[in-house]
Amino acid sequence: MSNKDVNTPSNFIRTIIDEDLKVGKNDGRVATRFPPEPNGYLHIGHAKSICLNFGIARDYGGRCNLRFDDTNPTKEEVEYVESIKEDVRWLGFDWEEREYYASDYFQKLYAYAVQLIKKDKAYVDSLSAKEIKDYRGTLTEPGKNSPYRNRSIEESLDLFERMYAGEFEDGQHVLRAKIDMAHPNLLMRDPTLYRIRKVPHHRTGDAWCIYPMYDFTHCLSDSIEGITHSICTLEFENNRALYDWVLDTVEATCHPQQIEFARLNLDFTVMSKRKLIELVDKKYVDGWDDPRMPTICGMRRRGYTPAAIRSFCDRIGVAKRDSIVDMALLEYSVREDLNKCAPRVMGVLRPLKVIIDNYPEDQVEELDAINNPEDPDAGMRKIPFSRTLYIEREDFMEDPPKKFFRLAPGREVRLRYAYFITCIDFVKDEQTGDIIELHCTYDPQTRGGDSPDGRKVKATLHWVSAAHAVTAEVRMYDRLFTVENPLAAEGDFKDYLNPNSLEVLRNCYLEPSLARAQPGDRIQFERLGYFCVDPDTTPEMQVFNRTVTLRDTWAKIAKKQAGRKK
């Protein structure tokens, strides 16, 4: 029974499932799985797969398993397992009690391998890894049979049992499927099914010293769990033939259908887990959760919301061809969600002192400010106003160009929620020549930001009261790379790391309400962007990460495209 919402985007995978349900395939069941290998942290590409697999199960009244394909103990760690579970939960999905591991099936997989040997569909090969590669052939030339291909069933069974018993060293033997060394699909040229790895496993310890290969494990794990639709990315398209061969040859009672879709690639970053591990291990970034990383934990730390990532995955849809998605679309989705829920506050990141000469020195006012104009239930807050303030340094120019409408000598501007002020003088540092202080006057009749005589100003500036401000460190993040596709560029991808991807601003000044901000809180600094409180925050120093700017390049692109269509 389908529970699909009418607004759920359709795609070719859902069309396949709809047709299956019409003809009663799989007894009307829909069962999917999200099967990460626990050898790294999840990234935004995995988020697309998570949303797709769990979303399909939800919409069709089915189930989605979380299964760890943990067949390579040399690269897998418990840390990765726990991080994956945390990320899936954070995105808003629940696998309930269905948490499985390929290692749960090691004994069954071993039995299946024995079954293949007995059917003369698998043999123990004693060629080295290099020799196996040399024997495989090329896309234009057939491979050659291993001299061990015609070993008797009894000999292969004996060797395989001795492999299991730990009698041989790594690389001494492998178990290979017996298919066709002239097959046009190179993966079908007697692929390896088992190899020796004398390495402890994070769940099974030293119980095993032979481990099944991914292609052998994955299809059988799907079958054991009763999966109906095995949804994976396009790089596994060639693997489908082997997926089907294994299930057909062992006569599996459940034969899921493998369906491939285009993986998610974002510009100005890399999505290869191997490349991301290199960035972490060689300390080009500050760990897996560095806010510049495309990892889910990095995006969480940066301030992205689960709803924004789910919305982004819906927007990009499900395609059959790989492409690179504009990072601006992801940022648009983040902006759209934060605009609805993030409270507005004022913060000054590059402060310039302003003294209002005609304001009483010992006076402090409490002004009303709107928490979020997009949320009628967000209410109001009080912000203190005093004689000495901070504004953004870029909001003043001594000799402004024609289209600069902010503060300048003799010019009047509005302070947000406060008064009109006019600059009457400024002070420069004698050594550097930098402007370090402005002297202004204010109009007491303009409280709240409006003039009773109807005069207009062309700029409204944000500000904070110097005596009440919270001091903070603000980390300004930008693109991790300087080119759209670092892996396609000439040379090493690390040559294109953006040296300006992180700027740390210290001695920033924020509204006093932010003294109570907690790690993970998301807010908008008016006129500056959306920010998130970082876990590095302490009672002595608040630390904020810039999540995304206010400027929406994707919306502008979409508007232009709509205009051309008209």
Protein backbone atom coordinates (compact mmCIF):
# COMPACT_ATOMS: atom_id res chain seq x y z
CA MET A 1 0.00 0.00 0.00
CA SER A 2 1.45 3.36 -1.05
CA ASN A 3 1.50 6.25 1.43
CA LYS A 4 2.94 8.71 -1.07
CA ASP A 5 2.04 12.34 -0.68
CA VAL A 6 0.75 14.00 -3.84
CA ASN A 7 3.71 16.39 -3.62
CA THR A 8 6.30 13.61 -3.53
CA PRO A 9 8.52 14.02 -6.62
CA SER A 10 8.29 11.05 -8.98
CA ASN A 11 11.32 9.45 -10.57
CA PHE A 12 12.25 6.38 -12.58
CA ILE A 13 12.86 4.30 -9.43
CA ARG A 14 9.40 5.03 -8.09
CA THR A 15 7.98 4.20 -11.53
CA ILE A 16 9.67 0.77 -11.36
CA ILE A 17 8.25 0.19 -7.88
CA ASP A 18 4.77 1.29 -8.98
CA GLU A 19 4.87 -1.23 -11.83
CA ASP A 20 6.08 -3.98 -9.48
CA LEU A 21 3.19 -3.31 -7.13
CA LYS A 22 0.69 -3.37 -9.99
CA VAL A 23 1.69 -6.90 -10.98
CA GLY A 24 2.01 -8.14 -7.39
CA LYS A 25 5.77 -8.65 -7.51
CA ASN A 26 7.42 -9.40 -4.15
CA ASP A 27 3.94 -10.05 -2.73
CA GLY A 28 3.36 -6.32 -2.68
CA ARG A 29 6.32 -5.70 -0.36
CA VAL A 30 8.77 -2.82 -0.61
CA ALA A 31 12.01 -3.25 1.34
CA THR A 32 15.11 -1.12 0.87
CA ARG A 33 18.36 -0.68 2.77
CA PHE A 34 21.07 1.90 3.34
CA PRO A 35 24.34 -0.08 3.27
CA PRO A 36 27.39 2.08 4.14
CA GLU A 37 30.85 0.66 4.58
CA PRO A 38 32.13 1.89 7.99
CA ASN A 39 35.46 3.15 6.65
CA GLY A 40 34.82 6.89 6.93
CA TYR A 41 32.25 9.52 7.77
CA LEU A 42 29.17 10.07 5.62
CA HIS A 43 29.02 12.98 3.18
CA ILE A 44 26.25 14.83 1.36
CA GLY A 45 26.24 12.17 -1.38
CA HIS A 46 25.29 9.59 1.21
CA ALA A 47 22.53 11.94 2.39
CA LYS A 48 20.94 11.62 -1.04
CA SER A 49 21.01 7.82 -0.77
CA ILE A 50 19.66 7.93 2.80
CA CYS A 51 16.76 10.19 1.80
CA LEU A 52 16.03 8.03 -1.24
CA ASN A 53 16.06 4.63 0.50
CA PHE A 54 14.30 5.66 3.70
CA GLY A 55 11.91 7.93 1.79
CA ILE A 56 10.80 5.16 -0.56
CA ALA A 57 10.24 2.75 2.34
CA ARG A 58 8.20 5.40 4.17
CA ASP A 59 6.09 6.37 1.16
CA TYR A 60 5.26 2.78 0.19
CA GLY A 61 4.56 1.55 3.70
CA GLY A 62 7.65 -0.64 3.57
CA ARG A 63 10.82 -0.87 5.60
CA CYS A 64 14.40 0.30 5.25
CA ASN A 65 17.28 -1.47 6.97
CA LEU A 66 20.53 0.08 8.11
CA ARG A 67 23.23 -2.41 7.19
CA PHE A 68 26.95 -1.98 7.57
CA ASP A 69 28.93 -3.70 4.81
CA ASP A 70 31.84 -4.45 7.13
CA THR A 71 33.90 -6.92 5.15
CA ASN A 72 37.27 -5.11 5.13
CA PRO A 73 38.70 -5.06 8.67
CA THR A 74 41.82 -3.18 7.56
CA LYS A 75 39.86 0.06 7.05
CA GLU A 76 36.78 -0.18 9.26
CA GLU A 77 36.36 1.20 12.78
CA VAL A 78 33.69 1.40 15.48
CA GLU A 79 34.08 5.21 15.39
CA TYR A 80 32.73 5.21 11.84
CA VAL A 81 29.83 2.94 12.75
CA GLU A 82 28.72 5.27 15.54
CA SER A 83 29.12 8.39 13.40
CA ILE A 84 27.01 6.86 10.62
CA LYS A 85 24.19 6.04 13.03
CA GLU A 86 24.32 9.56 14.46
CA ASP A 87 24.15 11.12 10.99
CA VAL A 88 21.21 9.00 9.83
CA ARG A 89 19.26 9.84 12.99
CA TRP A 90 20.11 13.53 12.67
CA LEU A 91 18.74 13.57 9.14
CA GLY A 92 15.44 12.42 10.60
CA PHE A 93 15.32 8.71 9.74
CA ASP A 94 14.79 5.68 11.97
CA TRP A 95 15.72 2.08 11.15
CA GLU A 96 13.95 0.94 14.34
CA GLU A 97 15.32 -2.48 15.35
CA ARG A 98 16.67 -3.26 11.87
CA GLU A 99 20.38 -2.62 12.40
CA TYR A 100 22.36 -5.27 10.56
CA TYR A 101 25.97 -6.03 9.68
CA ALA A 102 27.39 -8.07 6.82
CA SER A 103 29.52 -9.69 9.52
CA ASP A 104 26.28 -11.09 10.97
CA TYR A 105 26.16 -13.30 7.86
CA PHE A 106 29.79 -14.49 7.68
CA GLN A 107 28.85 -18.09 8.45
CA LYS A 108 26.03 -18.10 5.88
CA LEU A 109 28.29 -16.47 3.28
CA TYR A 110 30.93 -19.10 3.88
CA ALA A 111 28.28 -21.79 3.35
CA TYR A 112 27.21 -20.14 0.09
CA ALA A 113 30.84 -20.10 -1.06
CA VAL A 114 31.14 -23.83 -0.31
CA GLN A 115 27.95 -24.36 -2.28
CA LEU A 116 29.48 -22.62 -5.31
CA ILE A 117 32.62 -24.76 -5.10
CA LYS A 118 30.51 -27.92 -4.95
CA LYS A 119 28.65 -26.76 -8.06
CA ASP A 120 32.01 -26.22 -9.78
CA LYS A 121 31.16 -22.52 -9.97
CA ALA A 122 34.09 -21.39 -7.82
CA TYR A 123 37.70 -22.47 -7.31
CA VAL A 124 40.68 -21.61 -5.14
CA ASP A 125 43.29 -19.75 -7.16
CA SER A 126 46.94 -19.51 -6.18
CA LEU A 127 48.02 -16.75 -8.59
CA SER A 128 49.37 -13.56 -7.04
CA ALA A 129 47.28 -10.37 -7.17
CA LYS A 130 49.50 -9.04 -9.97
CA GLU A 131 49.20 -12.26 -11.95
CA ILE A 132 45.41 -12.25 -11.60
CA LYS A 133 45.38 -8.71 -12.95
CA ASP A 134 47.68 -9.63 -15.85
CA TYR A 135 45.53 -12.66 -16.72
CA ARG A 136 42.31 -10.60 -16.75
CA GLY A 137 42.88 -9.09 -20.20
CA THR A 138 41.59 -5.74 -21.42
CA LEU A 139 38.44 -4.23 -22.85
CA THR A 140 39.57 -5.36 -26.31
CA GLU A 141 41.39 -8.59 -25.42
CA PRO A 142 39.95 -11.63 -23.59
CA GLY A 143 41.54 -12.83 -20.40
CA LYS A 144 43.39 -16.11 -19.88
CA ASN A 145 42.31 -18.95 -17.65
CA SER A 146 44.30 -19.37 -14.47
CA PRO A 147 46.36 -22.58 -14.43
CA TYR A 148 44.47 -23.40 -11.21
CA ARG A 149 41.02 -22.92 -12.76
CA ASN A 150 40.53 -26.62 -13.35
CA ARG A 151 41.38 -27.72 -9.85
CA SER A 152 39.05 -30.47 -8.73
CA ILE A 153 36.10 -29.61 -6.54
CA GLU A 154 37.63 -31.68 -3.76
CA GLU A 155 40.96 -29.83 -3.91
CA SER A 156 39.29 -26.40 -3.88
CA LEU A 157 37.09 -27.43 -0.97
CA ASP A 158 40.13 -28.61 0.94
CA LEU A 159 42.12 -25.44 0.24
CA PHE A 160 39.18 -23.20 1.09
CA GLU A 161 38.70 -24.97 4.42
CA ARG A 162 42.41 -24.57 5.15
CA MET A 163 42.18 -20.87 4.21
CA TYR A 164 39.42 -20.56 6.80
CA ALA A 165 41.54 -22.42 9.37
CA GLY A 166 44.33 -19.85 8.98
CA GLU A 167 46.86 -22.18 7.41
CA PHE A 168 47.92 -19.74 4.67
CA GLU A 169 49.29 -16.20 4.64
CA ASP A 170 47.65 -13.13 3.13
CA GLY A 171 47.65 -13.26 -0.66
CA GLN A 172 48.65 -16.92 -0.88
CA HIS A 173 45.24 -18.02 -2.16
CA VAL A 174 41.88 -16.50 -3.10
CA LEU A 175 38.51 -17.96 -3.94
CA ARG A 176 37.29 -16.95 -7.40
CA ALA A 177 34.00 -17.42 -9.20
CA LYS A 178 34.21 -19.60 -12.31
CA ILE A 179 32.35 -17.60 -14.95
CA ASP A 180 34.04 -16.61 -18.24
CA MET A 181 37.50 -15.15 -18.80
CA ALA A 182 36.37 -13.84 -22.20
CA HIS A 183 33.28 -12.06 -20.85
CA PRO A 184 32.86 -8.53 -22.28
CA ASN A 185 32.29 -7.26 -18.73
CA LEU A 186 35.69 -7.43 -17.04
CA LEU A 187 34.04 -7.85 -13.64
CA MET A 188 32.65 -11.19 -14.81
CA ARG A 189 36.09 -12.61 -15.62
CA ASP A 190 36.30 -14.94 -12.64
CA PRO A 191 36.01 -12.26 -9.93
CA THR A 192 37.50 -12.83 -6.49
CA LEU A 193 34.94 -13.85 -3.87
CA TYR A 194 37.16 -14.38 -0.78
CA ARG A 195 40.62 -13.24 0.26
CA ILE A 196 42.83 -13.92 3.27
CA ARG A 197 43.16 -11.04 5.76
CA LYS A 198 44.77 -11.92 9.09
CA VAL A 199 43.42 -8.79 10.74
CA PRO A 200 41.01 -8.60 13.71
CA HIS A 201 37.51 -7.46 12.84
CA HIS A 202 35.82 -4.74 14.89
CA ARG A 203 32.87 -7.07 15.65
CA THR A 204 34.04 -10.66 15.14
CA GLY A 205 37.56 -10.26 16.55
CA ASP A 206 39.88 -13.09 15.45
CA ALA A 207 37.10 -15.52 14.58
CA TRP A 208 37.75 -15.08 10.84
CA CYS A 209 40.88 -14.69 8.76
CA ILE A 210 39.13 -14.88 5.38
CA TYR A 211 36.71 -12.16 4.36
CA PRO A 212 34.20 -12.05 1.50
CA MET A 213 34.47 -9.41 -1.21
CA TYR A 214 31.86 -6.68 -1.52
CA ASP A 215 30.22 -8.02 -4.69
CA PHE A 216 29.72 -11.44 -3.14
CA THR A 217 28.56 -10.09 0.21
CA HIS A 218 26.23 -7.33 -0.88
CA CYS A 219 23.80 -9.27 -3.03
CA LEU A 220 23.56 -12.16 -0.56
CA SER A 221 23.05 -9.78 2.38
CA ASP A 222 20.21 -8.16 0.42
CA SER A 223 18.72 -11.59 -0.23
CA ILE A 224 19.03 -12.73 3.39
CA GLU A 225 17.24 -9.58 4.56
CA GLY A 226 14.45 -9.90 2.00
CA ILE A 227 15.26 -6.64 0.24
CA THR A 228 13.09 -6.03 -2.82
CA HIS A 229 14.84 -3.07 -4.46
CA SER A 230 18.60 -2.72 -4.05
CA ILE A 231 19.21 0.92 -4.91
CA CYS A 232 22.81 1.97 -5.54
CA THR A 233 24.81 4.55 -7.46
CA LEU A 234 25.88 4.35 -11.09
CA GLU A 235 29.41 3.12 -10.45
CA PHE A 236 27.83 -0.24 -9.59
CA GLU A 237 26.02 -0.55 -12.91
CA ASN A 238 28.61 -3.00 -14.27
CA ASN A 239 28.41 -4.94 -11.01
CA ARG A 240 24.74 -5.76 -11.60
CA ALA A 241 25.64 -8.73 -13.81
CA LEU A 242 27.68 -10.26 -10.98
CA TYR A 243 24.95 -9.38 -8.44
CA ASP A 244 22.46 -11.40 -10.50
CA TRP A 245 24.90 -14.22 -11.27
CA VAL A 246 25.64 -14.91 -7.60
CA LEU A 247 21.98 -14.92 -6.61
CA ASP A 248 20.98 -17.08 -9.56
CA THR A 249 23.83 -19.54 -9.08
CA VAL A 250 23.29 -20.13 -5.37
CA GLU A 251 19.55 -20.35 -6.05
CA ALA A 252 18.67 -17.64 -3.53
CA THR A 253 15.04 -17.68 -2.39
CA CYS A 254 14.88 -13.87 -2.59
CA HIS A 255 16.34 -12.11 -5.62
CA PRO A 256 16.25 -8.30 -5.17
CA GLN A 257 16.37 -6.01 -8.19
CA GLN A 258 19.43 -3.79 -8.35
CA ILE A 259 18.62 -0.28 -9.62
CA GLU A 260 21.30 2.37 -10.22
CA PHE A 261 20.93 6.13 -9.97
CA ALA A 262 23.33 9.03 -10.47
CA ARG A 263 25.44 9.85 -7.43
CA LEU A 264 25.50 13.37 -6.03
CA ASN A 265 28.52 15.47 -6.97
CA LEU A 266 28.89 19.06 -5.71
CA ASP A 267 31.10 21.70 -7.26
CA PHE A 268 34.05 23.20 -5.36
CA THR A 269 34.54 20.06 -3.26
CA VAL A 270 35.40 16.36 -3.53
CA MET A 271 33.11 13.45 -2.73
CA SER A 272 35.63 10.61 -2.85
CA LYS A 273 35.91 9.04 0.59
CA ARG A 274 39.54 8.23 -0.13
CA LYS A 275 40.28 11.88 -0.93
CA LEU A 276 38.41 13.07 2.16
CA ILE A 277 40.42 10.68 4.34
CA GLU A 278 43.59 12.14 2.83
CA LEU A 279 42.47 15.68 3.69
CA VAL A 280 41.78 14.61 7.28
CA ASP A 281 44.85 12.42 7.82
CA LYS A 282 47.26 15.00 6.38
CA LYS A 283 45.54 17.80 8.33
CA TYR A 284 44.54 19.96 5.39
CA VAL A 285 41.28 20.32 7.36
CA ASP A 286 40.50 20.17 11.06
CA GLY A 287 38.94 16.72 11.13
CA TRP A 288 35.90 15.06 9.60
CA ASP A 289 33.56 17.66 11.09
CA ASP A 290 35.46 20.66 9.72
CA PRO A 291 32.65 22.96 8.49
CA ARG A 292 34.35 23.21 5.08
CA MET A 293 33.99 19.46 4.52
CA PRO A 294 31.04 17.99 2.57
CA THR A 295 30.51 15.51 5.40
CA ILE A 296 27.16 15.43 7.16
CA CYS A 297 28.84 16.07 10.52
CA GLY A 298 30.75 19.01 8.98
CA MET A 299 27.54 20.49 7.64
CA ARG A 300 25.85 19.95 11.00
CA ARG A 301 28.68 21.82 12.74
CA ARG A 302 28.47 24.60 10.16
CA GLY A 303 24.79 25.08 10.96
CA TYR A 304 22.99 23.33 8.11
CA THR A 305 19.65 21.85 9.15
CA PRO A 306 18.34 18.33 8.45
CA ALA A 307 15.28 19.85 6.77
CA ALA A 308 17.48 21.88 4.43
CA ILE A 309 19.50 18.83 3.37
CA ARG A 310 16.35 16.77 2.82
CA SER A 311 14.85 19.61 0.77
CA PHE A 312 18.05 19.84 -1.29
CA CYS A 313 17.97 16.10 -2.01
CA ASP A 314 14.35 16.41 -3.16
CA ARG A 315 15.22 19.37 -5.40
CA ILE A 316 18.05 17.68 -7.27
CA GLY A 317 15.88 14.64 -7.92
CA VAL A 318 16.96 11.18 -9.04
CA ALA A 319 18.65 10.90 -12.42
CA LYS A 320 20.30 8.21 -14.56
CA ARG A 321 23.33 10.29 -15.56
CA ASP A 322 26.06 11.74 -13.35
CA SER A 323 26.39 15.51 -13.17
CA ILE A 324 27.80 18.17 -10.88
CA VAL A 325 25.30 20.11 -8.79
CA ASP A 326 25.77 23.81 -8.09
CA MET A 327 26.75 24.40 -4.45
CA ALA A 328 24.53 27.50 -4.60
CA LEU A 329 21.46 25.25 -4.76
CA LEU A 330 22.42 23.59 -1.47
CA GLU A 331 23.01 27.01 0.07
CA TYR A 332 19.64 28.18 -1.22
CA SER A 333 17.96 25.25 0.55
CA VAL A 334 19.80 26.10 3.78
CA ARG A 335 18.86 29.77 3.49
CA GLU A 336 15.24 28.95 2.77
CA ASP A 337 14.93 26.84 5.93
CA LEU A 338 16.91 29.14 8.22
CA ASN A 339 14.94 32.16 7.04
CA LYS A 340 11.84 30.60 8.59
CA CYS A 341 13.32 29.50 11.91
CA ALA A 342 16.50 31.43 12.74
CA PRO A 343 16.07 34.41 15.11
CA ARG A 344 17.53 37.75 14.00
CA VAL A 345 20.17 39.45 16.10
CA MET A 346 22.77 42.15 15.53
CA GLY A 347 26.47 41.49 15.55
CA VAL A 348 29.46 43.53 14.43
CA LEU A 349 32.31 41.46 13.03
CA ARG A 350 34.83 44.20 12.09
CA PRO A 351 34.05 46.87 14.66
CA LEU A 352 34.43 50.62 14.39
CA LYS A 353 33.67 52.65 17.52
CA VAL A 354 30.95 55.30 17.34
CA ILE A 355 30.47 57.93 20.07
CA ILE A 356 27.19 59.85 20.03
CA ASP A 357 28.34 63.16 21.48
CA ASN A 358 24.89 64.55 22.31
CA TYR A 359 23.61 61.36 23.97
CA PRO A 360 23.72 61.37 27.82
CA GLU A 361 26.79 59.49 29.08
CA ASP A 362 25.02 57.53 31.81
CA GLN A 363 21.81 56.77 29.88
CA VAL A 364 20.82 53.31 28.63
CA GLU A 365 17.61 52.62 26.71
CA GLU A 366 15.89 49.31 26.05
CA LEU A 367 14.69 49.23 22.44
CA ASP A 368 12.21 46.79 20.91
CA ALA A 369 13.48 44.49 18.16
CA ILE A 370 11.72 41.83 16.07
CA ASN A 371 13.04 38.29 16.57
CA ASN A 372 11.98 36.97 13.15
CA PRO A 373 9.67 38.82 10.73
CA GLU A 374 8.96 35.50 8.97
CA ASP A 375 7.63 33.91 12.18
CA PRO A 376 4.63 35.70 13.74
CA ASP A 377 5.08 33.69 16.93
CA ALA A 378 8.73 34.61 17.42
CA GLY A 379 7.89 37.74 19.41
CA MET A 380 10.11 40.68 20.34
CA ARG A 381 13.27 41.23 22.36
CA LYS A 382 14.92 44.16 24.12
CA ILE A 383 18.29 45.49 23.03
CA PRO A 384 20.32 48.09 24.98
CA PHE A 385 21.29 51.43 23.41
CA SER A 386 23.94 53.72 24.86
CA ARG A 387 26.30 56.56 24.01
CA THR A 388 29.11 54.35 22.68
CA LEU A 389 28.37 51.84 19.96
CA TYR A 390 30.10 49.64 17.41
CA ILE A 391 29.22 49.53 13.72
CA GLU A 392 30.81 47.61 10.85
CA ARG A 393 34.03 49.20 9.64
CA GLU A 394 32.88 48.90 6.04
CA ASP A 395 29.78 51.01 6.84
CA PHE A 396 31.88 54.19 6.96
CA MET A 397 34.00 55.88 4.29
CA GLU A 398 35.89 59.12 4.62
CA ASP A 399 35.60 59.92 0.94
CA PRO A 400 32.75 57.77 -0.40
CA PRO A 401 32.10 57.08 -4.08
CA LYS A 402 28.84 58.24 -5.65
CA LYS A 403 26.77 55.12 -4.91
CA PHE A 404 27.95 54.62 -1.34
CA PHE A 405 24.92 55.49 0.83
CA ARG A 406 26.15 54.47 4.25
CA LEU A 407 27.85 56.64 6.85
CA ALA A 408 30.27 59.39 5.77
CA PRO A 409 31.28 62.85 7.09
CA GLY A 410 28.16 65.04 7.30
CA ARG A 411 25.83 62.20 6.25
CA GLU A 412 22.78 60.97 8.14
CA VAL A 413 21.82 57.26 8.40
CA ARG A 414 19.38 55.16 10.41
CA LEU A 415 20.48 52.81 13.18
CA ARG A 416 18.31 49.69 13.13
CA TYR A 417 15.47 49.94 15.72
CA ALA A 418 17.12 53.09 17.15
CA TYR A 419 17.75 56.63 15.86
CA PHE A 420 19.00 58.70 12.96
CA ILE A 421 22.64 59.66 13.48
CA THR A 422 24.90 62.09 11.62
CA CYS A 423 28.70 61.82 11.44
CA ILE A 424 30.35 65.09 12.49
CA ASP A 425 33.96 64.00 12.99
CA PHE A 426 36.37 61.05 13.08
CA VAL A 427 39.68 60.10 14.69
CA LYS A 428 42.62 58.43 12.95
CA ASP A 429 45.44 56.34 14.34
CA GLU A 430 48.51 58.57 14.18
CA GLN A 431 50.80 55.76 13.09
CA THR A 432 48.67 53.81 10.59
CA GLY A 433 46.27 56.46 9.42
CA ASP A 434 43.32 54.06 10.00
CA ILE A 435 40.05 55.52 11.22
CA ILE A 436 39.51 54.24 14.75
CA GLU A 437 36.60 56.31 16.08
CA LEU A 438 33.59 58.25 14.77
CA HIS A 439 31.83 61.12 16.49
CA CYS A 440 28.18 61.52 15.68
CA THR A 441 25.03 63.25 16.86
CA TYR A 442 21.59 61.71 17.09
CA ASP A 443 18.06 63.03 16.62
CA PRO A 444 16.00 62.14 19.74
CA GLN A 445 12.81 62.53 17.69
CA THR A 446 13.65 59.51 15.52
CA ARG A 447 13.45 56.75 18.14
CA GLY A 448 12.40 53.50 16.50
CA GLY A 449 14.04 54.50 13.25
CA ASP A 450 11.47 56.90 11.75
CA SER A 451 11.52 60.68 11.42
CA PRO A 452 8.39 62.61 12.46
CA ASP A 453 9.09 65.26 9.80
CA GLY A 454 9.14 62.62 7.07
CA ARG A 455 12.78 63.01 6.02
CA LYS A 456 14.36 59.95 4.46
CA VAL A 457 17.76 58.34 4.70
CA LYS A 458 19.24 55.86 2.23
CA ALA A 459 20.89 53.41 4.60
CA THR A 460 20.09 51.47 7.76
CA LEU A 461 23.04 50.14 9.75
CA HIS A 462 23.23 47.42 12.38
CA TRP A 463 25.09 48.12 15.61
CA VAL A 464 25.70 46.96 19.18
CA SER A 465 26.08 48.86 22.43
CA ALA A 466 29.77 48.76 23.43
CA ALA A 467 29.09 48.49 27.16
CA HIS A 468 26.71 45.55 26.78
CA ALA A 469 28.23 43.61 23.87
CA VAL A 470 29.32 39.98 24.05
CA THR A 471 32.82 39.40 22.68
CA ALA A 472 33.05 36.51 20.24
CA GLU A 473 35.22 34.70 17.76
CA VAL A 474 33.62 34.27 14.36
CA ARG A 475 34.87 31.82 11.74
CA MET A 476 34.10 32.83 8.18
CA TYR A 477 34.01 29.81 5.86
CA ASP A 478 34.21 29.79 2.08
CA ARG A 479 34.58 27.17 -0.67
CA LEU A 480 37.12 24.45 0.15
CA PHE A 481 38.56 24.53 -3.38
CA THR A 482 39.21 27.28 -5.92
CA VAL A 483 37.96 25.31 -8.95
CA GLU A 484 34.61 23.68 -9.61
CA ASN A 485 35.95 20.17 -10.19
CA PRO A 486 39.29 19.64 -8.40
CA LEU A 487 39.54 15.99 -9.46
CA ALA A 488 39.26 16.91 -13.14
CA ALA A 489 41.82 19.71 -12.94
CA GLU A 490 45.44 19.21 -13.96
CA GLY A 491 47.81 18.00 -11.26
CA ASP A 492 47.07 17.03 -7.65
CA PHE A 493 43.60 17.93 -6.40
CA LYS A 494 45.17 19.40 -3.24
CA ASP A 495 46.88 22.04 -5.37
CA TYR A 496 43.47 23.70 -5.66
CA LEU A 497 42.69 23.99 -1.96
CA ASN A 498 41.41 27.48 -1.24
CA PRO A 499 43.91 29.29 1.05
CA ASN A 500 41.11 31.69 2.00
CA SER A 501 38.52 29.04 2.88
CA LEU A 502 38.71 30.06 6.56
CA GLU A 503 39.08 33.52 8.06
CA VAL A 504 38.99 33.79 11.85
CA LEU A 505 37.71 37.10 13.24
CA ARG A 506 38.39 37.81 16.88
CA ASN A 507 37.03 40.62 19.05
CA CYS A 508 33.69 40.63 17.31
CA TYR A 509 30.83 42.21 19.25
CA LEU A 510 27.33 40.74 19.54
CA GLU A 511 24.03 41.54 21.21
CA PRO A 512 24.01 40.61 24.92
CA SER A 513 21.22 38.06 24.32
CA LEU A 514 23.81 35.82 22.67
CA ALA A 515 25.64 35.32 25.95
CA ARG A 516 23.17 32.48 26.56
CA ALA A 517 23.60 30.87 23.12
CA GLN A 518 24.34 27.14 23.14
CA PRO A 519 26.34 24.99 20.69
CA GLY A 520 24.17 24.21 17.69
CA ASP A 521 22.00 27.34 17.99
CA ARG A 522 21.41 28.93 14.61
CA ILE A 523 20.84 32.66 14.19
CA GLN A 524 20.95 35.38 11.56
CA PHE A 525 23.29 38.31 12.07
CA GLU A 526 21.30 41.04 10.33
CA ARG A 527 22.89 42.13 7.02
CA LEU A 528 25.74 39.62 7.46
CA GLY A 529 24.43 36.07 7.10
CA TYR A 530 23.41 32.98 9.03
CA PHE A 531 25.64 31.69 11.80
CA CYS A 532 25.80 28.74 14.20
CA VAL A 533 27.31 28.40 17.66
CA ASP A 534 30.33 26.09 17.45
CA PRO A 535 31.05 23.30 19.98
CA ASP A 536 34.32 25.14 20.77
CA THR A 537 32.24 27.78 22.57
CA THR A 538 33.09 28.32 26.24
CA PRO A 539 31.54 30.52 28.95
CA GLU A 540 34.50 32.86 28.45
CA MET A 541 34.32 33.06 24.64
CA GLN A 542 31.45 32.45 22.26
CA VAL A 543 32.49 30.93 18.93
CA PHE A 544 30.30 31.20 15.83
CA ASN A 545 30.60 29.62 12.38
CA ARG A 546 29.21 31.35 9.34
CA THR A 547 26.71 28.91 7.90
CA VAL A 548 25.81 30.75 4.72
CA THR A 549 25.73 34.31 3.44
CA LEU A 550 22.54 36.27 2.91
CA ARG A 551 23.20 36.76 -0.78
CA ASP A 552 21.32 34.14 -2.75
CA THR A 553 23.09 33.42 -6.02
CA TRP A 554 20.87 30.46 -6.86
CA ALA A 555 17.69 32.53 -6.59
CA LYS A 556 19.20 35.08 -8.98
CA ILE A 557 20.16 32.33 -11.44
CA ALA A 558 16.66 30.83 -11.27
CA LYS A 559 15.09 34.25 -11.80
CA LYS A 560 17.21 34.91 -14.88
CA GLN A 561 16.37 31.49 -16.33
CA ALA A 562 12.66 32.09 -15.74
CA GLY A 563 12.95 35.45 -17.49
CA ARG A 564 14.57 33.89 -20.55
CA LYS A 565 11.79 31.29 -20.81
CA LYS A 566 9.18 34.08 -20.92
